[in-house]
């Protein structure tokens, strides 16, 4: 993915390489850099209405981000910023189709449209933001995929909903998986693995196990002798989930081609200098946003 910088505000955001070639498409994944919030570090671009940040700062951040993206309608006398459609996200598989700015905040974790002049946005701080684009029918979608949404197949269902509403064919779709927590850092419990194994035949390739290290045990092994063969108690294993691969497999399973799927290499937990991470920052953090829209 490409890194873009707004010269006016030093606002950083990311764009997918294969989506950037469509002049009618507006899209981007925000970072934490170049905003007006102060509670999450200097000049933080927090785009979520969190309990720690002020509403005024978030609204100012959102306006700056939309301006940097170029999400405006130009007229003879003035320019009008596109309305941003967001959701109250609940880790579900609920997908909303929109053709105008809703009168009240919608609940769900996916948005799709073929209406120009709207910007669809998903907030994240470790979960994956995923953008789908149909270049032939000029339809777009954006989805919030944590482990719960992924188990519920939200991106797979997103492909189906775009076909149902817009006639999109999976083979025509382009997908961009934005920054999120990666397999290097996403430790989960055994119950999460069991849920994936009950749903996906390929679940085995999504997880890796790492034996926990114990310096005391390594230095004094005799203290931990048991009657169990081979004579030592077993250390528990840490389980890590590759959320990016889980969603890539869903896209492939419904017919999106491998060459049409682009994923950011950035892990939110590893890169808190650039991105917000709920886990790494122990819950006190801002929100980035993945957004997509259609020019008229």
Protein backbone atom coordinates (compact mmCIF):
# COMPACT_ATOMS: atom_id res chain seq x y z
CA UNK A 1 0.00 0.00 0.00
CA UNK A 2 1.08 3.52 -0.70
CA UNK A 3 1.69 6.15 1.96
CA UNK A 4 0.21 9.54 1.16
CA UNK A 5 0.90 12.78 2.99
CA UNK A 6 -1.26 15.90 3.01
CA UNK A 7 1.10 18.85 2.73
CA UNK A 8 -1.27 21.14 4.59
CA UNK A 9 -1.56 19.11 7.81
CA UNK A 10 1.11 16.39 7.58
CA UNK A 11 -1.83 14.01 7.78
CA UNK A 12 -0.79 10.49 6.83
CA UNK A 13 -3.06 7.91 5.24
CA UNK A 14 -2.64 4.75 3.19
CA UNK A 15 -4.06 3.78 -0.18
CA UNK A 16 -4.16 0.40 -1.90
CA UNK A 17 -2.00 0.33 -5.02
CA UNK A 18 -4.45 -1.55 -7.23
CA UNK A 19 -7.39 0.68 -6.22
CA UNK A 20 -5.50 3.92 -6.86
CA UNK A 21 -5.75 3.47 -10.64
CA UNK A 22 -9.49 4.15 -10.66
CA UNK A 23 -10.03 7.93 -10.98
CA UNK A 24 -13.70 7.62 -9.98
CA UNK A 25 -12.85 5.97 -6.66
CA UNK A 26 -12.07 7.66 -3.34
CA UNK A 27 -10.53 5.40 -0.71
CA UNK A 28 -8.02 5.31 2.09
CA UNK A 29 -6.97 3.90 5.45
CA UNK A 30 -6.15 6.52 8.05
CA UNK A 31 -3.19 6.42 10.44
CA UNK A 32 -2.77 8.15 13.80
CA UNK A 33 -0.58 10.91 12.39
CA UNK A 34 -1.50 14.48 11.54
CA UNK A 35 -4.61 15.21 13.59
CA UNK A 36 -5.80 17.52 16.35
CA UNK A 37 -6.35 15.14 19.27
CA UNK A 38 -4.02 15.33 22.28
CA UNK A 39 -5.14 12.46 24.53
CA UNK A 40 -3.48 9.75 22.42
CA UNK A 41 -0.19 11.53 21.80
CA UNK A 42 0.72 14.72 20.04
CA UNK A 43 -1.32 15.59 16.93
CA UNK A 44 -3.22 12.30 16.87
CA UNK A 45 -5.74 11.65 14.09
CA UNK A 46 -8.40 9.92 16.19
CA UNK A 47 -11.52 9.36 14.07
CA UNK A 48 -13.64 7.63 16.70
CA UNK A 49 -15.91 9.26 19.30
CA UNK A 50 -14.12 7.66 22.25
CA UNK A 51 -14.76 8.51 25.89
CA UNK A 52 -11.30 10.06 26.31
CA UNK A 53 -11.33 12.45 23.37
CA UNK A 54 -13.45 15.54 22.74
CA UNK A 55 -16.19 15.51 20.12
CA UNK A 56 -14.83 18.74 18.66
CA UNK A 57 -11.37 17.22 18.12
CA UNK A 58 -12.81 14.12 16.44
CA UNK A 59 -15.03 16.17 14.14
CA UNK A 60 -12.04 18.32 13.20
CA UNK A 61 -9.99 15.17 12.53
CA UNK A 62 -12.70 13.67 10.35
CA UNK A 63 -13.03 16.87 8.32
CA UNK A 64 -9.26 16.99 7.77
CA UNK A 65 -9.16 13.35 6.72
CA UNK A 66 -12.01 13.75 4.24
CA UNK A 67 -10.36 16.85 2.80
CA UNK A 68 -7.05 15.00 2.42
CA UNK A 69 -8.84 12.20 0.58
CA UNK A 70 -10.44 14.70 -1.78
CA UNK A 71 -13.97 13.65 -0.85
CA UNK A 72 -15.61 16.85 -2.10
CA UNK A 73 -18.19 17.91 -4.65
CA UNK A 74 -17.05 20.97 -6.56
CA UNK A 75 -19.53 23.59 -7.74
CA UNK A 76 -19.05 26.94 -9.49
CA UNK A 77 -18.94 28.84 -6.21
CA UNK A 78 -18.10 26.37 -3.48
CA UNK A 79 -17.00 22.87 -2.56
CA UNK A 80 -19.07 20.56 -0.39
CA UNK A 81 -17.58 17.77 1.70
CA UNK A 82 -19.22 14.38 1.14
CA UNK A 83 -21.32 13.02 4.00
CA UNK A 84 -19.62 10.24 5.96
CA UNK A 85 -21.77 7.18 6.69
CA UNK A 86 -20.52 5.26 9.73
CA UNK A 87 -21.99 2.57 11.99
CA UNK A 88 -22.37 1.57 15.59
CA UNK A 89 -20.21 -1.51 15.21
CA UNK A 90 -21.16 -4.63 17.17
CA UNK A 91 -18.84 -7.39 15.82
CA UNK A 92 -21.68 -8.81 13.72
CA UNK A 93 -22.31 -9.95 10.16
CA UNK A 94 -24.91 -7.21 9.59
CA UNK A 95 -24.37 -5.36 6.29
CA UNK A 96 -26.28 -2.19 5.40
CA UNK A 97 -26.97 -0.95 1.88
CA UNK A 98 -27.18 2.85 1.75
CA UNK A 99 -28.04 5.41 -0.93
CA UNK A 100 -28.08 8.52 1.28
CA UNK A 101 -27.00 9.71 4.71
CA UNK A 102 -29.19 7.84 7.25
CA UNK A 103 -31.31 9.90 9.62
CA UNK A 104 -29.94 7.97 12.61
CA UNK A 105 -26.82 5.93 13.32
CA UNK A 106 -27.10 2.45 11.79
CA UNK A 107 -26.03 -0.68 13.65
CA UNK A 108 -23.84 -3.23 11.88
CA UNK A 109 -20.36 -3.97 10.58
CA UNK A 110 -20.60 -3.58 6.82
CA UNK A 111 -21.73 -0.89 4.37
CA UNK A 112 -22.29 -1.12 0.61
CA UNK A 113 -23.44 1.41 -1.99
CA UNK A 114 -23.43 2.31 -5.68
CA UNK A 115 -24.47 5.92 -4.98
CA UNK A 116 -21.86 8.60 -5.82
CA UNK A 117 -20.99 11.29 -3.32
CA UNK A 118 -21.16 9.18 -0.17
CA UNK A 119 -18.19 8.09 1.92
CA UNK A 120 -18.57 4.78 3.74
CA UNK A 121 -16.40 4.35 6.85
CA UNK A 122 -15.44 1.57 9.24
CA UNK A 123 -13.53 2.25 12.48
CA UNK A 124 -10.79 -0.04 13.73
CA UNK A 125 -8.02 -0.28 16.32
CA UNK A 126 -6.78 -3.86 15.70
CA UNK A 127 -9.62 -5.44 13.72
CA UNK A 128 -9.33 -5.41 9.93
CA UNK A 129 -10.95 -2.80 7.68
CA UNK A 130 -11.70 -4.40 4.31
CA UNK A 131 -12.71 -2.51 1.16
CA UNK A 132 -14.41 -4.18 -1.81
CA UNK A 133 -14.70 -2.44 -5.18
CA UNK A 134 -16.56 -3.49 -8.32
CA UNK A 135 -14.94 -1.48 -11.14
CA UNK A 136 -17.45 -2.65 -13.76
CA UNK A 137 -20.62 -1.66 -11.92
CA UNK A 138 -19.04 1.10 -9.82
CA UNK A 139 -20.20 -0.34 -6.52
CA UNK A 140 -18.24 -0.38 -3.26
CA UNK A 141 -18.32 -1.81 0.24
CA UNK A 142 -16.39 -1.59 3.48
CA UNK A 143 -16.37 -4.15 6.31
CA UNK A 144 -15.21 -4.48 9.92
CA UNK A 145 -13.62 -7.90 10.48
CA UNK A 146 -12.45 -8.90 13.93
CA UNK A 147 -12.37 -12.57 14.85
CA UNK A 148 -16.10 -12.59 15.63
CA UNK A 149 -17.08 -11.00 12.33
CA UNK A 150 -14.66 -13.28 10.51
CA UNK A 151 -16.17 -16.42 12.05
CA UNK A 152 -19.56 -15.10 10.93
CA UNK A 153 -18.11 -14.70 7.39
CA UNK A 154 -18.81 -10.98 7.07
CA UNK A 155 -16.56 -10.37 4.07
CA UNK A 156 -17.85 -13.51 2.35
CA UNK A 157 -21.40 -12.28 2.94
CA UNK A 158 -20.33 -8.84 1.74
CA UNK A 159 -19.47 -10.31 -1.65
CA UNK A 160 -22.89 -11.96 -1.71
CA UNK A 161 -24.70 -8.75 -0.79
CA UNK A 162 -22.90 -6.81 -3.53
CA UNK A 163 -24.02 -9.45 -6.00
CA UNK A 164 -27.61 -9.31 -4.71
CA UNK A 165 -27.94 -5.53 -4.77
CA UNK A 166 -25.68 -4.49 -7.63
CA UNK A 167 -25.13 -7.60 -9.72
CA UNK A 168 -21.42 -7.68 -8.83
CA UNK A 169 -19.54 -10.78 -9.93
CA UNK A 170 -16.85 -12.03 -7.50
CA UNK A 171 -14.33 -12.36 -10.33
CA UNK A 172 -14.67 -8.62 -11.03
CA UNK A 173 -14.13 -7.49 -7.43
CA UNK A 174 -10.98 -5.85 -6.08
CA UNK A 175 -10.27 -6.20 -2.34
CA UNK A 176 -8.02 -4.20 -0.04
CA UNK A 177 -7.36 -5.45 3.48
CA UNK A 178 -6.15 -2.55 5.60
CA UNK A 179 -3.83 -2.49 8.61
CA UNK A 180 -4.82 -4.62 11.58
CA UNK A 181 -3.40 -6.98 14.16
CA UNK A 182 -1.37 -9.73 12.45
CA UNK A 183 -0.53 -13.31 13.26
CA UNK A 184 2.69 -12.23 14.94
CA UNK A 185 0.73 -10.60 17.77
CA UNK A 186 -2.87 -11.83 17.73
CA UNK A 187 -2.94 -14.27 20.64
CA UNK A 188 -6.33 -15.94 21.15
CA UNK A 189 -7.80 -18.65 23.34
CA UNK A 190 -8.49 -22.25 22.46
CA UNK A 191 -12.22 -21.46 22.25
CA UNK A 192 -11.57 -19.09 19.32
CA UNK A 193 -9.69 -21.79 17.44
CA UNK A 194 -12.54 -24.22 18.09
CA UNK A 195 -15.05 -21.79 16.61
CA UNK A 196 -12.94 -21.45 13.45
CA UNK A 197 -12.45 -25.21 13.21
CA UNK A 198 -16.21 -25.70 13.34
CA UNK A 199 -16.69 -23.34 10.38
CA UNK A 200 -13.72 -23.67 8.05
CA UNK A 201 -12.01 -26.75 6.62
CA UNK A 202 -8.79 -24.74 6.26
CA UNK A 203 -8.79 -23.50 9.87
CA UNK A 204 -5.60 -25.41 10.67
CA UNK A 205 -3.52 -23.10 8.48
CA UNK A 206 -4.83 -19.99 10.25
CA UNK A 207 -3.28 -20.75 13.63
CA UNK A 208 0.18 -21.31 15.03
CA UNK A 209 1.24 -22.50 18.45
CA UNK A 210 4.19 -21.28 20.48
CA UNK A 211 5.35 -22.91 23.68
CA UNK A 212 5.57 -20.50 26.57
CA UNK A 213 9.05 -20.04 27.98
CA UNK A 214 9.73 -20.16 31.71
CA UNK A 215 13.23 -19.05 32.81
CA UNK A 216 12.80 -20.63 36.26
CA UNK A 217 11.76 -23.96 34.76
CA UNK A 218 14.68 -23.87 32.35
CA UNK A 219 17.17 -23.13 35.15
CA UNK A 220 15.74 -25.61 37.68
CA UNK A 221 14.11 -28.42 35.68
CA UNK A 222 14.17 -30.86 38.61
CA UNK A 223 11.60 -28.74 40.46
CA UNK A 224 9.05 -29.50 37.77
CA UNK A 225 9.43 -33.28 37.50
CA UNK A 226 6.13 -35.18 37.37
CA UNK A 227 5.06 -38.77 36.92
CA UNK A 228 3.86 -37.92 33.44
CA UNK A 229 6.05 -39.19 30.58
CA UNK A 230 8.55 -37.95 29.59
CA UNK A 231 8.88 -36.84 33.17
CA UNK A 232 8.06 -33.15 33.03
CA UNK A 233 4.81 -31.19 33.28
CA UNK A 234 3.78 -29.56 30.02
CA UNK A 235 3.85 -25.80 29.61
CA UNK A 236 0.73 -24.29 28.06
CA UNK A 237 1.01 -23.19 24.44
CA UNK A 238 0.14 -19.74 23.13
CA UNK A 239 -2.20 -19.70 20.14
CA UNK A 240 -1.94 -17.01 17.44
CA UNK A 241 -4.52 -16.30 14.73
CA UNK A 242 -3.72 -14.98 11.26
CA UNK A 243 -6.78 -12.80 10.74
CA UNK A 244 -5.54 -11.48 7.39
CA UNK A 245 -5.22 -14.98 5.93
CA UNK A 246 -8.63 -15.94 7.36
CA UNK A 247 -10.30 -13.15 5.40
CA UNK A 248 -8.20 -13.74 2.30
CA UNK A 249 -9.34 -17.36 2.29
CA UNK A 250 -12.98 -16.26 2.50
CA UNK A 251 -12.55 -13.97 -0.48
CA UNK A 252 -10.89 -16.72 -2.49
CA UNK A 253 -13.60 -19.21 -1.51
CA UNK A 254 -16.33 -17.05 -3.04
CA UNK A 255 -14.47 -16.37 -6.27
CA UNK A 256 -12.40 -13.21 -5.79
CA UNK A 257 -9.10 -13.82 -7.60
CA UNK A 258 -5.84 -13.94 -5.67
CA UNK A 259 -4.30 -11.17 -7.79
CA UNK A 260 -7.25 -8.90 -6.91
CA UNK A 261 -6.61 -9.08 -3.15
CA UNK A 262 -4.11 -6.64 -1.62
CA UNK A 263 -3.29 -6.70 2.09
CA UNK A 264 -1.37 -4.16 4.13
CA UNK A 265 1.80 -5.58 5.74
CA UNK A 266 1.35 -3.28 8.74
CA UNK A 267 0.49 -4.82 12.12
CA UNK A 268 -1.28 -2.37 14.43
CA UNK A 269 0.25 -3.90 17.57
CA UNK A 270 3.79 -3.71 16.16
CA UNK A 271 3.36 -0.18 14.76
CA UNK A 272 1.79 1.97 17.47
CA UNK A 273 3.97 4.81 16.17
CA UNK A 274 1.78 4.85 13.05
CA UNK A 275 -1.48 3.14 14.04
CA UNK A 276 -3.81 2.73 17.00
CA UNK A 277 -3.88 -0.63 18.79
CA UNK A 278 -6.49 -1.49 21.39
CA UNK A 279 -4.42 -4.40 22.67
CA UNK A 280 -1.02 -2.76 22.73
CA UNK A 281 -2.38 0.39 24.36
CA UNK A 282 -4.56 -1.52 26.84
CA UNK A 283 -7.85 -0.08 25.67
CA UNK A 284 -6.97 3.62 25.88
CA UNK A 285 -6.51 4.44 22.23
CA UNK A 286 -8.07 6.17 19.26
CA UNK A 287 -9.63 4.74 16.12
CA UNK A 288 -8.45 4.68 12.53
CA UNK A 289 -10.89 4.39 9.67
CA UNK A 290 -11.10 2.61 6.34
CA UNK A 291 -13.22 4.58 3.87
CA UNK A 292 -14.45 4.27 0.30
CA UNK A 293 -16.69 6.31 -2.01
CA UNK A 294 -17.64 6.91 -5.63
CA UNK A 295 -17.15 10.13 -7.55
CA UNK A 296 -20.13 11.36 -9.54
